[in-house]
Amino acid sequence: MLGEPEYTMNDLFAQLGLESSDEAIEQFIAEHQLDKDEELIDADFWNEKQRMFLKEEWQLDAVWVEVIDELNVRLHPDA
């Protein structure tokens, strides 16, 4: 039996409909830093589909949760 897939940051960005090259991801993260009290899913740069995907996957502790957690950490450098 195959295990759960392991998604990368590139996969997450593609799933969110964003440019998923390494350079584009680094640029996105640099340009979208969040305050330490701002929740990832409340950020104003997500559209509704992106927000719902992130929220559902995080709440379900689904296969995407590790890479979503990584994105959350990278967008909160001062937390």
PDB file of N, CA and C in Angstrom:
ATOM      1  N   MET A   1       0.843  -1.190   0.000  1.00  0.00           N
ATOM      2  CA  MET A   1       0.000   0.000   0.000  1.00  0.00           C
ATOM      3  C   MET A   1       0.885   1.249   0.000  1.00  0.00           C
ATOM      4  N   LEU A   2       0.516   2.175  -0.798  1.00  0.00           N
ATOM      5  CA  LEU A   2       1.283   3.412  -0.881  1.00  0.00           C
ATOM      6  C   LEU A   2       0.957   4.332   0.279  1.00  0.00           C
ATOM      7  N   GLY A   3       1.963   5.057   0.744  1.00  0.00           N
ATOM      8  CA  GLY A   3       1.752   6.022   1.820  1.00  0.00           C
ATOM      9  C   GLY A   3       1.149   7.306   1.290  1.00  0.00           C
ATOM     10  N   GLU A   4       0.907   8.224   2.186  1.00  0.00           N
ATOM     11  CA  GLU A   4       0.381   9.541   1.820  1.00  0.00           C
ATOM     12  C   GLU A   4       1.424  10.275   0.983  1.00  0.00           C
ATOM     13  N   PRO A   5       0.996  11.034   0.000  1.00  0.00           N
ATOM     14  CA  PRO A   5       1.966  11.820  -0.776  1.00  0.00           C
ATOM     15  C   PRO A   5       2.598  12.896   0.094  1.00  0.00           C
ATOM     16  N   GLU A   6       3.824  13.234  -0.220  1.00  0.00           N
ATOM     17  CA  GLU A   6       4.510  14.317   0.480  1.00  0.00           C
ATOM     18  C   GLU A   6       4.579  15.498  -0.474  1.00  0.00           C
ATOM     19  N   TYR A   7       3.863  16.553  -0.137  1.00  0.00           N
ATOM     20  CA  TYR A   7       3.799  17.723  -0.994  1.00  0.00           C
ATOM     21  C   TYR A   7       4.914  18.701  -0.662  1.00  0.00           C
ATOM     22  N   THR A   8       5.328  19.427  -1.671  1.00  0.00           N
ATOM     23  CA  THR A   8       6.367  20.445  -1.518  1.00  0.00           C
ATOM     24  C   THR A   8       5.719  21.829  -1.542  1.00  0.00           C
ATOM     25  N   MET A   9       6.516  22.830  -1.240  1.00  0.00           N
ATOM     26  CA  MET A   9       6.044  24.203  -1.328  1.00  0.00           C
ATOM     27  C   MET A   9       5.648  24.518  -2.772  1.00  0.00           C
ATOM     28  N   ASN A  10       6.387  23.981  -3.724  1.00  0.00           N
ATOM     29  CA  ASN A  10       6.048  24.188  -5.139  1.00  0.00           C
ATOM     30  C   ASN A  10       4.675  23.602  -5.450  1.00  0.00           C
ATOM     31  N   ASP A  11       4.387  22.425  -4.914  1.00  0.00           N
ATOM     32  CA  ASP A  11       3.076  21.797  -5.110  1.00  0.00           C
ATOM     33  C   ASP A  11       1.967  22.651  -4.503  1.00  0.00           C
ATOM     34  N   LEU A  12       2.220  23.189  -3.310  1.00  0.00           N
ATOM     35  CA  LEU A  12       1.216  24.015  -2.640  1.00  0.00           C
ATOM     36  C   LEU A  12       0.908  25.266  -3.456  1.00  0.00           C
ATOM     37  N   PHE A  13       1.930  25.930  -3.931  1.00  0.00           N
ATOM     38  CA  PHE A  13       1.703  27.139  -4.719  1.00  0.00           C
ATOM     39  C   PHE A  13       0.945  26.818  -6.008  1.00  0.00           C
ATOM     40  N   ALA A  14       1.278  25.701  -6.640  1.00  0.00           N
ATOM     41  CA  ALA A  14       0.540  25.290  -7.841  1.00  0.00           C
ATOM     42  C   ALA A  14      -0.916  25.010  -7.490  1.00  0.00           C
ATOM     43  N   GLN A  15      -1.151  24.344  -6.376  1.00  0.00           N
ATOM     44  CA  GLN A  15      -2.518  24.040  -5.927  1.00  0.00           C
ATOM     45  C   GLN A  15      -3.309  25.318  -5.666  1.00  0.00           C
ATOM     46  N   LEU A  16      -2.635  26.338  -5.179  1.00  0.00           N
ATOM     47  CA  LEU A  16      -3.285  27.620  -4.891  1.00  0.00           C
ATOM     48  C   LEU A  16      -3.434  28.489  -6.144  1.00  0.00           C
ATOM     49  N   GLY A  17      -2.936  27.998  -7.278  1.00  0.00           N
ATOM     50  CA  GLY A  17      -3.044  28.754  -8.515  1.00  0.00           C
ATOM     51  C   GLY A  17      -2.032  29.872  -8.634  1.00  0.00           C
ATOM     52  N   LEU A  18      -0.941  29.752  -7.896  1.00  0.00           N
ATOM     53  CA  LEU A  18       0.112  30.766  -7.906  1.00  0.00           C
ATOM     54  C   LEU A  18       1.314  30.246  -8.679  1.00  0.00           C
ATOM     55  N   GLU A  19       2.151  31.152  -9.133  1.00  0.00           N
ATOM     56  CA  GLU A  19       3.396  30.772  -9.792  1.00  0.00           C
ATOM     57  C   GLU A  19       4.182  29.906  -8.808  1.00  0.00           C
ATOM     58  N   SER A  20       4.674  28.755  -9.265  1.00  0.00           N
ATOM     59  CA  SER A  20       5.250  27.787  -8.330  1.00  0.00           C
ATOM     60  C   SER A  20       6.740  27.527  -8.519  1.00  0.00           C
ATOM     61  N   SER A  21       7.423  28.396  -9.255  1.00  0.00           N
ATOM     62  CA  SER A  21       8.878  28.230  -9.352  1.00  0.00           C
ATOM     63  C   SER A  21       9.503  28.632  -8.011  1.00  0.00           C
ATOM     64  N   ASP A  22      10.688  28.149  -7.758  1.00  0.00           N
ATOM     65  CA  ASP A  22      11.382  28.493  -6.510  1.00  0.00           C
ATOM     66  C   ASP A  22      11.531  30.006  -6.370  1.00  0.00           C
ATOM     67  N   GLU A  23      11.886  30.666  -7.468  1.00  0.00           N
ATOM     68  CA  GLU A  23      12.089  32.109  -7.434  1.00  0.00           C
ATOM     69  C   GLU A  23      10.783  32.847  -7.121  1.00  0.00           C
ATOM     70  N   ALA A  24       9.693  32.412  -7.741  1.00  0.00           N
ATOM     71  CA  ALA A  24       8.397  33.054  -7.507  1.00  0.00           C
ATOM     72  C   ALA A  24       7.933  32.852  -6.071  1.00  0.00           C
ATOM     73  N   ILE A  25       8.183  31.687  -5.514  1.00  0.00           N
ATOM     74  CA  ILE A  25       7.806  31.411  -4.125  1.00  0.00           C
ATOM     75  C   ILE A  25       8.599  32.311  -3.185  1.00  0.00           C
ATOM     76  N   GLU A  26       9.897  32.409  -3.401  1.00  0.00           N
ATOM     77  CA  GLU A  26      10.727  33.265  -2.545  1.00  0.00           C
ATOM     78  C   GLU A  26      10.279  34.718  -2.640  1.00  0.00           C
ATOM     79  N   GLN A  27       9.938  35.168  -3.832  1.00  0.00           N
ATOM     80  CA  GLN A  27       9.471  36.544  -4.011  1.00  0.00           C
ATOM     81  C   GLN A  27       8.125  36.754  -3.306  1.00  0.00           C
ATOM     82  N   PHE A  28       7.208  35.806  -3.445  1.00  0.00           N
ATOM     83  CA  PHE A  28       5.905  35.901  -2.790  1.00  0.00           C
ATOM     84  C   PHE A  28       6.090  36.016  -1.276  1.00  0.00           C
ATOM     85  N   ILE A  29       6.911  35.159  -0.721  1.00  0.00           N
ATOM     86  CA  ILE A  29       7.131  35.163   0.726  1.00  0.00           C
ATOM     87  C   ILE A  29       7.756  36.476   1.169  1.00  0.00           C
ATOM     88  N   ALA A  30       8.715  36.977   0.426  1.00  0.00           N
ATOM     89  CA  ALA A  30       9.370  38.245   0.768  1.00  0.00           C
ATOM     90  C   ALA A  30       8.383  39.410   0.727  1.00  0.00           C
ATOM     91  N   GLU A  31       7.433  39.359  -0.184  1.00  0.00           N
ATOM     92  CA  GLU A  31       6.489  40.471  -0.367  1.00  0.00           C
ATOM     93  C   GLU A  31       5.223  40.355   0.483  1.00  0.00           C
ATOM     94  N   HIS A  32       5.026  39.242   1.168  1.00  0.00           N
ATOM     95  CA  HIS A  32       3.779  39.023   1.905  1.00  0.00           C
ATOM     96  C   HIS A  32       4.017  38.620   3.364  1.00  0.00           C
ATOM     97  N   GLN A  33       4.932  39.297   4.009  1.00  0.00           N
ATOM     98  CA  GLN A  33       5.208  38.999   5.409  1.00  0.00           C
ATOM     99  C   GLN A  33       4.018  39.398   6.293  1.00  0.00           C
ATOM    100  N   LEU A  34       3.723  38.574   7.292  1.00  0.00           N
ATOM    101  CA  LEU A  34       2.592  38.809   8.185  1.00  0.00           C
ATOM    102  C   LEU A  34       3.066  39.239   9.561  1.00  0.00           C
ATOM    103  N   ASP A  35       2.238  40.045  10.236  1.00  0.00           N
ATOM    104  CA  ASP A  35       2.508  40.389  11.630  1.00  0.00           C
ATOM    105  C   ASP A  35       2.351  39.137  12.476  1.00  0.00           C
ATOM    106  N   LYS A  36       3.017  39.104  13.611  1.00  0.00           N
ATOM    107  CA  LYS A  36       2.997  37.893  14.427  1.00  0.00           C
ATOM    108  C   LYS A  36       1.598  37.504  14.889  1.00  0.00           C
ATOM    109  N   ASP A  37       0.684  38.463  15.000  1.00  0.00           N
ATOM    110  CA  ASP A  37      -0.674  38.165  15.451  1.00  0.00           C
ATOM    111  C   ASP A  37      -1.646  37.876  14.311  1.00  0.00           C
ATOM    112  N   GLU A  38      -1.191  37.999  13.078  1.00  0.00           N
ATOM    113  CA  GLU A  38      -2.065  37.784  11.928  1.00  0.00           C
ATOM    114  C   GLU A  38      -2.074  36.308  11.527  1.00  0.00           C
ATOM    115  N   GLU A  39      -3.265  35.741  11.457  1.00  0.00           N
ATOM    116  CA  GLU A  39      -3.413  34.345  11.066  1.00  0.00           C
ATOM    117  C   GLU A  39      -3.174  34.182   9.571  1.00  0.00           C
ATOM    118  N   LEU A  40      -2.574  33.081   9.197  1.00  0.00           N
ATOM    119  CA  LEU A  40      -2.312  32.799   7.789  1.00  0.00           C
ATOM    120  C   LEU A  40      -3.581  32.904   6.948  1.00  0.00           C
ATOM    121  N   ILE A  41      -4.655  32.285   7.391  1.00  0.00           N
ATOM    122  CA  ILE A  41      -5.878  32.258   6.580  1.00  0.00           C
ATOM    123  C   ILE A  41      -6.612  33.592   6.562  1.00  0.00           C
ATOM    124  N   ASP A  42      -6.237  34.513   7.444  1.00  0.00           N
ATOM    125  CA  ASP A  42      -6.870  35.833   7.469  1.00  0.00           C
ATOM    126  C   ASP A  42      -6.131  36.860   6.618  1.00  0.00           C
ATOM    127  N   ALA A  43      -5.002  36.475   6.053  1.00  0.00           N
ATOM    128  CA  ALA A  43      -4.223  37.415   5.248  1.00  0.00           C
ATOM    129  C   ALA A  43      -5.053  37.899   4.063  1.00  0.00           C
ATOM    130  N   ASP A  44      -4.922  39.189   3.765  1.00  0.00           N
ATOM    131  CA  ASP A  44      -5.756  39.795   2.724  1.00  0.00           C
ATOM    132  C   ASP A  44      -5.319  39.462   1.307  1.00  0.00           C
ATOM    133  N   PHE A  45      -4.208  38.775   1.130  1.00  0.00           N
ATOM    134  CA  PHE A  45      -3.744  38.465  -0.217  1.00  0.00           C
ATOM    135  C   PHE A  45      -4.307  37.156  -0.775  1.00  0.00           C
ATOM    136  N   TRP A  46      -5.037  36.385   0.024  1.00  0.00           N
ATOM    137  CA  TRP A  46      -5.677  35.160  -0.483  1.00  0.00           C
ATOM    138  C   TRP A  46      -7.027  35.496  -1.087  1.00  0.00           C
ATOM    139  N   ASN A  47      -7.394  34.797  -2.156  1.00  0.00           N
ATOM    140  CA  ASN A  47      -8.769  34.895  -2.622  1.00  0.00           C
ATOM    141  C   ASN A  47      -9.598  33.880  -1.832  1.00  0.00           C
ATOM    142  N   GLU A  48     -10.884  33.874  -2.009  1.00  0.00           N
ATOM    143  CA  GLU A  48     -11.747  33.022  -1.189  1.00  0.00           C
ATOM    144  C   GLU A  48     -11.451  31.532  -1.383  1.00  0.00           C
ATOM    145  N   LYS A  49     -11.191  31.109  -2.609  1.00  0.00           N
ATOM    146  CA  LYS A  49     -10.875  29.690  -2.863  1.00  0.00           C
ATOM    147  C   LYS A  49      -9.582  29.282  -2.168  1.00  0.00           C
ATOM    148  N   GLN A  50      -8.587  30.133  -2.251  1.00  0.00           N
ATOM    149  CA  GLN A  50      -7.310  29.838  -1.602  1.00  0.00           C
ATOM    150  C   GLN A  50      -7.487  29.759  -0.087  1.00  0.00           C
ATOM    151  N   ARG A  51      -8.211  30.734   0.455  1.00  0.00           N
ATOM    152  CA  ARG A  51      -8.458  30.779   1.906  1.00  0.00           C
ATOM    153  C   ARG A  51      -9.177  29.517   2.372  1.00  0.00           C
ATOM    154  N   MET A  52     -10.208  29.106   1.648  1.00  0.00           N
ATOM    155  CA  MET A  52     -10.975  27.911   2.036  1.00  0.00           C
ATOM    156  C   MET A  52     -10.112  26.658   1.964  1.00  0.00           C
ATOM    157  N   PHE A  53      -9.292  26.535   0.929  1.00  0.00           N
ATOM    158  CA  PHE A  53      -8.400  25.381   0.810  1.00  0.00           C
ATOM    159  C   PHE A  53      -7.458  25.314   2.006  1.00  0.00           C
ATOM    160  N   LEU A  54      -6.788  26.421   2.302  1.00  0.00           N
ATOM    161  CA  LEU A  54      -5.846  26.448   3.421  1.00  0.00           C
ATOM    162  C   LEU A  54      -6.542  26.129   4.735  1.00  0.00           C
ATOM    163  N   LYS A  55      -7.699  26.713   4.967  1.00  0.00           N
ATOM    164  CA  LYS A  55      -8.434  26.510   6.207  1.00  0.00           C
ATOM    165  C   LYS A  55      -8.870  25.056   6.358  1.00  0.00           C
ATOM    166  N   GLU A  56      -9.460  24.509   5.308  1.00  0.00           N
ATOM    167  CA  GLU A  56      -9.951  23.129   5.379  1.00  0.00           C
ATOM    168  C   GLU A  56      -8.813  22.132   5.576  1.00  0.00           C
ATOM    169  N   GLU A  57      -7.762  22.299   4.823  1.00  0.00           N
ATOM    170  CA  GLU A  57      -6.646  21.355   4.939  1.00  0.00           C
ATOM    171  C   GLU A  57      -5.972  21.442   6.309  1.00  0.00           C
ATOM    172  N   TRP A  58      -5.858  22.650   6.838  1.00  0.00           N
ATOM    173  CA  TRP A  58      -5.233  22.827   8.145  1.00  0.00           C
ATOM    174  C   TRP A  58      -6.119  22.235   9.236  1.00  0.00           C
ATOM    175  N   GLN A  59      -7.415  22.499   9.173  1.00  0.00           N
ATOM    176  CA  GLN A  59      -8.335  21.987  10.189  1.00  0.00           C
ATOM    177  C   GLN A  59      -8.424  20.466  10.156  1.00  0.00           C
ATOM    178  N   LEU A  60      -8.366  19.896   8.974  1.00  0.00           N
ATOM    179  CA  LEU A  60      -8.452  18.442   8.838  1.00  0.00           C
ATOM    180  C   LEU A  60      -7.138  17.750   9.158  1.00  0.00           C
ATOM    181  N   ASP A  61      -6.091  18.541   9.367  1.00  0.00           N
ATOM    182  CA  ASP A  61      -4.749  17.996   9.566  1.00  0.00           C
ATOM    183  C   ASP A  61      -4.443  17.028   8.428  1.00  0.00           C
ATOM    184  N   ALA A  62      -4.776  17.474   7.227  1.00  0.00           N
ATOM    185  CA  ALA A  62      -4.693  16.648   6.024  1.00  0.00           C
ATOM    186  C   ALA A  62      -3.267  16.567   5.495  1.00  0.00           C
ATOM    187  N   VAL A  63      -3.131  15.920   4.351  1.00  0.00           N
ATOM    188  CA  VAL A  63      -1.804  15.668   3.780  1.00  0.00           C
ATOM    189  C   VAL A  63      -1.039  16.942   3.448  1.00  0.00           C
ATOM    190  N   TRP A  64      -1.727  18.050   3.312  1.00  0.00           N
ATOM    191  CA  TRP A  64      -1.074  19.318   2.993  1.00  0.00           C
ATOM    192  C   TRP A  64      -0.562  20.049   4.232  1.00  0.00           C
ATOM    193  N   VAL A  65      -0.900  19.592   5.434  1.00  0.00           N
ATOM    194  CA  VAL A  65      -0.676  20.387   6.641  1.00  0.00           C
ATOM    195  C   VAL A  65       0.801  20.722   6.881  1.00  0.00           C
ATOM    196  N   GLU A  66       1.706  19.811   6.588  1.00  0.00           N
ATOM    197  CA  GLU A  66       3.122  20.094   6.845  1.00  0.00           C
ATOM    198  C   GLU A  66       3.631  21.257   6.002  1.00  0.00           C
ATOM    199  N   VAL A  67       3.279  21.266   4.736  1.00  0.00           N
ATOM    200  CA  VAL A  67       3.768  22.332   3.866  1.00  0.00           C
ATOM    201  C   VAL A  67       3.021  23.644   4.154  1.00  0.00           C
ATOM    202  N   ILE A  68       1.771  23.568   4.568  1.00  0.00           N
ATOM    203  CA  ILE A  68       1.038  24.777   4.978  1.00  0.00           C
ATOM    204  C   ILE A  68       1.672  25.350   6.244  1.00  0.00           C
ATOM    205  N   ASP A  69       2.037  24.491   7.178  1.00  0.00           N
ATOM    206  CA  ASP A  69       2.732  24.947   8.383  1.00  0.00           C
ATOM    207  C   ASP A  69       4.054  25.617   8.028  1.00  0.00           C
ATOM    208  N   GLU A  70       4.769  25.036   7.084  1.00  0.00           N
ATOM    209  CA  GLU A  70       6.038  25.626   6.658  1.00  0.00           C
ATOM    210  C   GLU A  70       5.806  27.019   6.066  1.00  0.00           C
ATOM    211  N   LEU A  71       4.783  27.163   5.225  1.00  0.00           N
ATOM    212  CA  LEU A  71       4.463  28.465   4.657  1.00  0.00           C
ATOM    213  C   LEU A  71       4.108  29.453   5.761  1.00  0.00           C
ATOM    214  N   ASN A  72       3.326  29.017   6.715  1.00  0.00           N
ATOM    215  CA  ASN A  72       2.931  29.872   7.834  1.00  0.00           C
ATOM    216  C   ASN A  72       4.164  30.391   8.579  1.00  0.00           C
ATOM    217  N   VAL A  73       5.099  29.521   8.856  1.00  0.00           N
ATOM    218  CA  VAL A  73       6.332  29.918   9.555  1.00  0.00           C
ATOM    219  C   VAL A  73       7.126  30.910   8.708  1.00  0.00           C
ATOM    220  N   ARG A  74       7.223  30.651   7.437  1.00  0.00           N
ATOM    221  CA  ARG A  74       8.028  31.512   6.561  1.00  0.00           C
ATOM    222  C   ARG A  74       7.389  32.886   6.358  1.00  0.00           C
ATOM    223  N   LEU A  75       6.069  32.974   6.502  1.00  0.00           N
ATOM    224  CA  LEU A  75       5.391  34.257   6.376  1.00  0.00           C
ATOM    225  C   LEU A  75       5.351  35.024   7.702  1.00  0.00           C
ATOM    226  N   HIS A  76       5.782  34.382   8.788  1.00  0.00           N
ATOM    227  CA  HIS A  76       5.826  35.000  10.129  1.00  0.00           C
ATOM    228  C   HIS A  76       7.249  34.975  10.667  1.00  0.00           C
ATOM    229  N   PRO A  77       8.183  35.674  10.061  1.00  0.00           N
ATOM    230  CA  PRO A  77       9.571  35.595  10.501  1.00  0.00           C
ATOM    231  C   PRO A  77       9.816  36.156  11.903  1.00  0.00           C
ATOM    232  N   ASP A  78       8.941  37.023  12.364  1.00  0.00           N
ATOM    233  CA  ASP A  78       9.144  37.655  13.674  1.00  0.00           C
ATOM    234  C   ASP A  78       8.363  36.984  14.790  1.00  0.00           C
ATOM    235  N   ALA A  79       7.690  35.891  14.479  1.00  0.00           N
ATOM    236  CA  ALA A  79       6.848  35.222  15.497  1.00  0.00           C
ATOM    237  C   ALA A  79       7.680  34.379  16.434  1.00  0.00           C
TER     238      ALA A  79
END
